[in-house]
Amino acid sequence: MSKIIRARAPLRIGIAGGGTDVEPYASEHGGLVFNTTIDKYAYCTLIPNETDEMTVVSPNYGTVTEKLELPMRYDGTAEDLVRSVVNHFQITQGFKVYVRSDVPPGSGLGGSSTLMVAIIKAFSEWKKIKMSKHEIASLAFHLEREDIGLGGGKQDQYAAAFGGFNMMYFTKDGVDVRPVRLKDSVLQELQERSLLCYTGRSRESATIIEEQVKDLKNDISKEEAYEESKRLAMSISRALRLKDIDGAAALLNLAWEQKKKFTSKISNPRINELYKTAMDNGALGGKVSGAGGGGFMFFICAPGKRERVCKRLEAKGAEVLQFKFDDRGARTGKLDVGEYTARLINRIWATAPLPAKSN
């Protein structure tokens, strides 16, 4: 019998406080982020075999096959995510892995970190290694940021592992994830009034974050924008818990104004154009999700105005992404199948739905 392991992890919307989770600020001053996850995912399908090779298949980057020789060396490509997990778990048995995402690279929804979480989830399931959500997120951060050396903060890994609406606290002593429980009526209303639109431009988050860190080091006055961003993250969370969606939307605007102070690369004429279009046609608040510079924008609209805002944004060339909030984090499904079925699945299962059995 052959084994097929499928994992997926949810992408996230950064609502407020993003950027305060980046080192060294987070350790020196404490970071605080309010975010949520959605029903768009990063996927990893893992099929072990009896070879001494790993094959990584991705619709964005093609197919790469190489011999399993520990430690696997990094070359700056997307396959480094898989190589780092292979090194950590000391994988010597061959396998084929399919990785993909529901959104393009550079989306501002935490794509690469979310994929890292899905890969870890799949490999830990294969090797029967029990890991808590905290352990998965911590390992994902370590491998991506410290082992491979990719720039970024910490919120993406924890959002993908935990799922749902969360307040996240980042200090030199670790990460504290606190779920934000919203009433069903609030969640339903927020869902009806929220939208995501793709600016049409991906961005290199590591470059923007590098600029952000440099700007803060050279201009200590920017610390006030970071502190205000954290206060706004708390205030938006509180407004939603109190069923004040309009108030949360207004605070979202203030969070965007503070975010833009981190570095000049966070916004640009295209983002400004879409923001103005949305606000002129019924949005009450909005901001870029993620590091900035492109990717997706998140808006909260006035009651009954969402469709109008969508149409106006689409007329400007933006792509509106239909989504729902997802309150579950990374999960896996596993199947044991015969060799013939495995060969068929090898060709067609990379895009199949996740099996109903999950954990």
Protein backbone atom coordinates (compact mmCIF):
# COMPACT_ATOMS: atom_id res chain seq x y z
CA MET A 1 0.00 0.00 0.00
CA SER A 2 1.10 3.56 -0.75
CA LYS A 3 0.42 6.51 1.48
CA ILE A 4 -0.81 9.91 0.38
CA ILE A 5 -0.76 12.77 2.86
CA ARG A 6 -2.49 16.06 2.16
CA ALA A 7 -2.18 19.20 4.23
CA ARG A 8 -3.51 22.68 3.88
CA ALA A 9 -3.15 25.87 5.90
CA PRO A 10 -5.28 29.04 5.67
CA LEU A 11 -4.02 32.36 4.38
CA ARG A 12 -4.46 35.42 6.56
CA ILE A 13 -5.63 39.01 6.41
CA GLY A 14 -3.46 41.37 8.43
CA ILE A 15 -6.01 43.71 10.00
CA ALA A 16 -3.78 45.89 12.18
CA GLY A 17 -0.38 45.90 13.87
CA GLY A 18 1.45 44.17 11.03
CA GLY A 19 5.12 45.15 10.99
CA THR A 20 5.39 45.29 14.78
CA ASP A 21 6.05 41.52 14.66
CA VAL A 22 9.33 42.09 12.79
CA GLU A 23 12.69 41.85 14.56
CA PRO A 24 14.37 43.61 16.24
CA TYR A 25 11.33 45.76 17.09
CA ALA A 26 9.25 42.84 18.41
CA SER A 27 11.90 41.74 20.92
CA GLU A 28 12.91 45.25 21.97
CA HIS A 29 9.48 46.86 22.28
CA GLY A 30 6.92 44.07 21.94
CA GLY A 31 4.78 43.47 18.87
CA LEU A 32 1.00 43.18 18.72
CA VAL A 33 -1.03 42.09 15.70
CA PHE A 34 -4.73 41.51 15.04
CA ASN A 35 -5.42 39.18 12.12
CA THR A 36 -7.79 36.56 10.77
CA THR A 37 -7.65 33.62 8.38
CA ILE A 38 -9.79 32.96 5.31
CA ASP A 39 -10.92 30.04 3.17
CA LYS A 40 -8.01 30.42 0.74
CA TYR A 41 -5.17 28.04 1.35
CA ALA A 42 -1.66 26.85 0.70
CA TYR A 43 -1.59 23.10 -0.05
CA CYS A 44 0.95 20.32 0.26
CA THR A 45 0.30 16.82 -1.13
CA LEU A 46 3.00 14.32 -0.13
CA ILE A 47 3.47 10.90 -1.74
CA PRO A 48 6.35 8.82 -0.31
CA ASN A 49 8.13 6.36 -2.60
CA GLU A 50 11.07 3.95 -2.52
CA THR A 51 13.58 6.13 -4.38
CA ASP A 52 16.39 8.26 -2.98
CA GLU A 53 15.09 11.39 -4.69
CA MET A 54 12.75 14.24 -3.88
CA THR A 55 10.51 15.72 -6.54
CA VAL A 56 8.78 19.05 -5.95
CA VAL A 57 5.94 20.01 -8.29
CA SER A 58 4.51 23.54 -8.27
CA PRO A 59 2.22 25.26 -10.79
CA ASN A 60 4.15 28.48 -10.20
CA TYR A 61 7.70 27.12 -10.43
CA GLY A 62 7.50 23.85 -12.39
CA THR A 63 9.05 20.49 -11.41
CA VAL A 64 12.38 19.95 -9.67
CA THR A 65 13.90 16.53 -8.94
CA GLU A 66 17.11 16.05 -6.98
CA LYS A 67 18.92 13.40 -4.97
CA LEU A 68 18.31 13.33 -1.22
CA GLU A 69 21.71 14.13 0.23
CA LEU A 70 21.65 15.62 3.72
CA PRO A 71 22.04 18.42 4.39
CA MET A 72 20.13 19.71 1.38
CA ARG A 73 21.69 22.95 0.14
CA TYR A 74 19.64 26.08 -0.42
CA ASP A 75 19.77 27.93 -3.73
CA GLY A 76 17.31 30.78 -3.25
CA THR A 77 14.42 29.05 -5.05
CA ALA A 78 10.94 28.18 -3.78
CA GLU A 79 12.07 24.57 -3.26
CA ASP A 80 14.14 25.76 -0.28
CA LEU A 81 10.97 25.52 1.83
CA VAL A 82 10.85 21.77 1.21
CA ARG A 83 14.63 21.36 1.54
CA SER A 84 14.61 23.00 4.97
CA VAL A 85 11.89 20.63 6.23
CA VAL A 86 13.80 17.65 4.79
CA ASN A 87 16.89 18.79 6.69
CA HIS A 88 15.00 19.32 9.94
CA PHE A 89 13.26 15.94 9.92
CA GLN A 90 16.33 14.19 8.43
CA ILE A 91 14.32 12.70 5.57
CA THR A 92 16.23 10.07 3.57
CA GLN A 93 13.31 8.20 1.97
CA GLY A 94 12.23 9.44 -1.46
CA PHE A 95 9.00 11.31 -2.04
CA LYS A 96 7.04 13.44 -4.46
CA VAL A 97 5.41 16.59 -3.15
CA TYR A 98 2.91 18.91 -4.82
CA VAL A 99 2.70 22.46 -3.47
CA ARG A 100 0.34 25.21 -4.56
CA SER A 101 -1.61 28.20 -3.29
CA ASP A 102 -5.00 29.72 -4.00
CA VAL A 103 -3.37 33.12 -4.53
CA PRO A 104 -0.33 34.28 -6.51
CA PRO A 105 3.09 34.85 -4.89
CA GLY A 106 3.47 38.29 -3.37
CA SER A 107 -0.21 38.52 -2.43
CA GLY A 108 0.20 40.04 1.02
CA LEU A 109 -1.78 37.17 2.55
CA GLY A 110 1.20 35.36 4.07
CA GLY A 111 1.60 32.87 1.23
CA SER A 112 5.15 31.54 1.66
CA SER A 113 4.89 31.20 5.45
CA THR A 114 1.49 29.53 5.12
CA LEU A 115 2.94 27.07 2.63
CA MET A 116 5.80 26.35 5.05
CA VAL A 117 3.24 25.50 7.73
CA ALA A 118 1.40 23.16 5.33
CA ILE A 119 4.67 21.42 4.38
CA ILE A 120 5.63 20.90 8.03
CA LYS A 121 2.14 19.59 8.77
CA ALA A 122 2.39 17.05 5.94
CA PHE A 123 5.89 15.82 6.82
CA SER A 124 5.18 15.57 10.56
CA GLU A 125 2.08 13.52 9.73
CA TRP A 126 4.16 11.24 7.48
CA LYS A 127 6.78 10.66 10.17
CA LYS A 128 4.18 10.40 12.97
CA ILE A 129 5.69 13.33 14.87
CA LYS A 130 3.10 15.01 17.07
CA MET A 131 3.43 18.78 17.07
CA SER A 132 1.29 21.43 18.73
CA LYS A 133 0.13 24.49 16.82
CA HIS A 134 2.73 26.54 18.67
CA GLU A 135 5.49 24.10 17.77
CA ILE A 136 4.52 24.07 14.08
CA ALA A 137 4.42 27.87 13.90
CA SER A 138 7.70 28.25 15.79
CA LEU A 139 9.45 25.73 13.55
CA ALA A 140 8.05 27.39 10.42
CA PHE A 141 9.42 30.73 11.59
CA HIS A 142 12.82 29.24 12.46
CA LEU A 143 13.20 27.45 9.13
CA GLU A 144 11.98 30.31 6.95
CA ARG A 145 13.53 33.28 8.73
CA GLU A 146 16.65 31.86 10.41
CA ASP A 147 17.61 28.73 8.48
CA ILE A 148 16.83 29.83 4.91
CA GLY A 149 17.23 33.52 5.75
CA LEU A 150 14.02 34.94 4.26
CA GLY A 151 12.97 38.29 5.74
CA GLY A 152 9.66 38.89 7.45
CA GLY A 153 7.75 38.89 10.70
CA LYS A 154 6.15 36.16 12.80
CA GLN A 155 2.40 36.63 12.42
CA ASP A 156 2.00 34.62 9.20
CA GLN A 157 3.22 31.31 10.63
CA TYR A 158 1.07 31.59 13.75
CA ALA A 159 -2.03 32.66 11.83
CA ALA A 160 -1.69 29.64 9.51
CA ALA A 161 -1.16 27.21 12.37
CA PHE A 162 -3.92 28.51 14.67
CA GLY A 163 -6.59 29.90 12.32
CA GLY A 164 -9.43 32.27 13.18
CA PHE A 165 -9.41 35.81 14.57
CA ASN A 166 -6.47 36.29 16.92
CA MET A 167 -4.60 38.89 18.90
CA MET A 168 -0.92 37.96 18.80
CA TYR A 169 1.68 39.28 21.22
CA PHE A 170 5.36 39.08 20.28
CA THR A 171 8.13 39.59 22.85
CA LYS A 172 11.71 38.46 23.42
CA ASP A 173 10.25 35.62 25.51
CA GLY A 174 8.01 34.19 22.80
CA VAL A 175 4.60 34.46 21.17
CA ASP A 176 1.21 34.54 22.89
CA VAL A 177 -1.80 33.82 20.67
CA ARG A 178 -5.18 34.84 22.09
CA PRO A 179 -8.33 33.95 20.14
CA VAL A 180 -10.85 36.75 19.58
CA ARG A 181 -14.35 35.29 19.85
CA LEU A 182 -16.92 37.20 17.82
CA LYS A 183 -20.68 36.71 18.03
CA ASP A 184 -22.11 34.77 15.09
CA SER A 185 -24.25 37.76 14.16
CA VAL A 186 -21.17 40.03 14.08
CA LEU A 187 -19.18 37.53 12.07
CA GLN A 188 -22.00 37.16 9.53
CA GLU A 189 -22.42 40.93 9.17
CA LEU A 190 -18.67 41.48 8.87
CA GLN A 191 -18.54 38.77 6.22
CA GLU A 192 -21.26 40.48 4.19
CA ARG A 193 -19.49 43.82 4.34
CA SER A 194 -15.87 42.75 3.79
CA LEU A 195 -13.99 42.41 0.52
CA LEU A 196 -10.52 41.63 -0.74
CA CYS A 197 -9.24 43.02 -4.01
CA TYR A 198 -6.01 42.20 -5.80
CA THR A 199 -4.15 45.29 -6.94
CA GLY A 200 -2.76 43.42 -9.94
CA ARG A 201 0.76 43.78 -8.64
CA SER A 202 2.73 41.32 -6.55
CA ARG A 203 5.47 42.65 -4.33
CA GLU A 204 8.66 41.42 -2.67
CA SER A 205 7.77 41.66 1.01
CA ALA A 206 11.33 40.99 2.20
CA THR A 207 12.58 44.11 0.41
CA ILE A 208 9.87 46.31 1.95
CA ILE A 209 10.46 44.85 5.42
CA GLU A 210 14.20 45.40 5.08
CA GLU A 211 13.50 49.03 4.21
CA GLN A 212 11.11 49.28 7.15
CA VAL A 213 13.73 48.01 9.62
CA LYS A 214 16.34 50.38 8.21
CA ASP A 215 14.00 53.38 8.35
CA LEU A 216 13.10 52.70 11.99
CA LYS A 217 16.77 52.40 12.93
CA ASN A 218 17.57 55.71 11.25
CA ASP A 219 14.50 57.61 12.44
CA ILE A 220 13.49 56.86 16.01
CA SER A 221 10.45 59.15 15.66
CA LYS A 222 8.78 56.36 13.65
CA GLU A 223 8.38 54.41 16.89
CA GLU A 224 5.21 56.37 17.63
CA ALA A 225 3.60 54.99 14.44
CA TYR A 226 4.43 51.46 15.63
CA GLU A 227 3.00 52.12 19.08
CA GLU A 228 -0.16 53.64 17.60
CA SER A 229 -0.52 50.64 15.26
CA LYS A 230 -0.54 48.34 18.27
CA ARG A 231 -3.12 50.48 20.05
CA LEU A 232 -5.31 50.43 16.95
CA ALA A 233 -5.04 46.64 16.71
CA MET A 234 -6.46 46.43 20.23
CA SER A 235 -9.14 49.02 19.46
CA ILE A 236 -10.35 47.29 16.28
CA SER A 237 -10.57 43.97 18.10
CA ARG A 238 -12.54 45.63 20.90
CA ALA A 239 -14.90 47.35 18.46
CA LEU A 240 -15.74 44.05 16.77
CA ARG A 241 -16.32 42.33 20.11
CA LEU A 242 -18.72 45.17 20.94
CA LYS A 243 -20.53 44.65 17.59
CA ASP A 244 -19.39 48.04 16.28
CA ILE A 245 -18.42 47.20 12.70
CA ASP A 246 -18.63 50.82 11.54
CA GLY A 247 -16.29 51.83 14.33
CA ALA A 248 -13.88 49.03 13.43
CA ALA A 249 -13.88 50.22 9.81
CA ALA A 250 -13.08 53.80 10.83
CA LEU A 251 -10.21 52.53 12.98
CA LEU A 252 -8.99 50.46 10.03
CA ASN A 253 -8.43 53.73 8.16
CA LEU A 254 -6.35 55.05 11.03
CA ALA A 255 -4.34 51.82 11.05
CA TRP A 256 -3.60 52.31 7.35
CA GLU A 257 -2.42 55.88 7.95
CA GLN A 258 -0.01 54.67 10.63
CA LYS A 259 1.19 51.75 8.51
CA LYS A 260 2.16 54.11 5.68
CA LYS A 261 4.49 55.93 8.06
CA PHE A 262 6.70 52.83 8.46
CA THR A 263 8.35 53.35 5.06
CA SER A 264 7.56 55.15 1.80
CA LYS A 265 7.41 51.84 -0.11
CA ILE A 266 4.23 50.62 1.63
CA SER A 267 1.89 52.59 -0.62
CA ASN A 268 2.11 53.79 -4.22
CA PRO A 269 -0.11 55.57 -6.79
CA ARG A 270 -1.92 52.34 -7.76
CA ILE A 271 -2.79 51.53 -4.16
CA ASN A 272 -3.85 55.11 -3.50
CA GLU A 273 -6.11 55.04 -6.57
CA LEU A 274 -7.89 51.85 -5.50
CA TYR A 275 -8.20 53.05 -1.93
CA LYS A 276 -9.84 56.31 -3.05
CA THR A 277 -12.15 54.45 -5.45
CA ALA A 278 -13.35 52.16 -2.68
CA MET A 279 -13.84 54.97 -0.17
CA ASP A 280 -15.70 57.14 -2.69
CA ASN A 281 -18.17 54.35 -3.42
CA GLY A 282 -19.17 53.00 -0.04
CA ALA A 283 -16.17 51.54 1.78
CA LEU A 284 -15.87 52.78 5.36
CA GLY A 285 -12.32 51.63 5.93
CA GLY A 286 -9.50 49.74 4.29
CA LYS A 287 -5.80 49.00 4.06
CA VAL A 288 -3.25 46.84 2.31
CA SER A 289 -2.84 43.36 3.80
CA GLY A 290 0.75 42.43 4.50
CA ALA A 291 3.97 44.37 4.04
CA GLY A 292 2.51 46.68 1.38
CA GLY A 293 3.57 47.75 -2.07
CA GLY A 294 0.94 45.60 -3.80
CA GLY A 295 -0.89 42.34 -3.27
CA PHE A 296 -4.38 42.39 -1.74
CA MET A 297 -6.32 45.23 -0.13
CA PHE A 298 -8.95 44.64 2.56
CA PHE A 299 -12.04 46.84 2.89
CA ILE A 300 -15.06 47.01 5.18
CA CYS A 301 -18.06 48.54 3.40
CA ALA A 302 -21.19 50.33 4.55
CA PRO A 303 -24.32 48.13 4.69
CA GLY A 304 -25.56 47.39 1.18
CA LYS A 305 -22.57 49.03 -0.52
CA ARG A 306 -20.27 46.06 -1.05
CA GLU A 307 -21.41 45.24 -4.59
CA ARG A 308 -21.05 48.84 -5.70
CA VAL A 309 -17.51 48.98 -4.31
CA CYS A 310 -16.66 45.68 -6.03
CA LYS A 311 -17.87 46.92 -9.42
CA ARG A 312 -15.98 50.20 -9.14
CA LEU A 313 -12.76 48.44 -8.17
CA GLU A 314 -13.13 45.96 -11.02
CA ALA A 315 -13.65 48.88 -13.41
CA LYS A 316 -10.23 50.09 -12.29
CA GLY A 317 -8.69 46.72 -13.18
CA ALA A 318 -8.62 45.24 -9.69
CA GLU A 319 -9.69 41.63 -9.13
CA VAL A 320 -12.16 41.02 -6.29
CA LEU A 321 -11.57 37.76 -4.43
CA GLN A 322 -14.63 36.03 -2.98
CA PHE A 323 -13.81 34.59 0.44
CA LYS A 324 -15.16 33.53 3.80
CA PHE A 325 -13.51 33.69 7.19
CA ASP A 326 -12.01 30.36 8.32
CA ASP A 327 -11.67 29.62 12.03
CA ARG A 328 -9.49 26.51 11.68
CA GLY A 329 -5.75 26.34 11.30
CA ALA A 330 -3.54 23.89 9.42
CA ARG A 331 -5.00 20.41 8.98
CA THR A 332 -4.15 17.11 7.33
CA GLY A 333 -5.83 14.15 5.68
CA LYS A 334 -4.27 10.75 4.94
CA LEU A 335 -5.16 7.90 2.56
CA ASP A 336 -3.68 4.43 2.12
CA VAL A 337 -4.07 3.24 -1.48
CA GLY A 338 -2.86 0.52 -3.85
CA GLU A 339 0.08 1.06 -6.20
CA TYR A 340 -2.10 1.47 -9.31
CA THR A 341 -4.25 4.06 -7.59
CA ALA A 342 -1.13 5.81 -6.33
CA ARG A 343 0.14 6.20 -9.88
CA LEU A 344 -3.18 7.73 -10.93
CA ILE A 345 -3.20 10.03 -7.94
CA ASN A 346 0.35 11.01 -8.78
CA ARG A 347 -1.07 12.64 -11.89
CA ILE A 348 -4.47 13.99 -10.83
CA TRP A 349 -4.77 14.35 -7.07
CA ALA A 350 -2.70 17.46 -6.51
CA THR A 351 -5.81 19.60 -6.98
CA ALA A 352 -8.41 17.30 -5.40
CA PRO A 353 -10.39 18.45 -2.30
CA LEU A 354 -8.94 17.68 1.10
CA PRO A 355 -10.23 14.31 2.44
CA ALA A 356 -13.09 14.62 4.89
CA LYS A 357 -11.07 13.04 7.70
CA SER A 358 -8.93 15.76 9.26
CA ASN A 359 -7.23 16.72 12.49
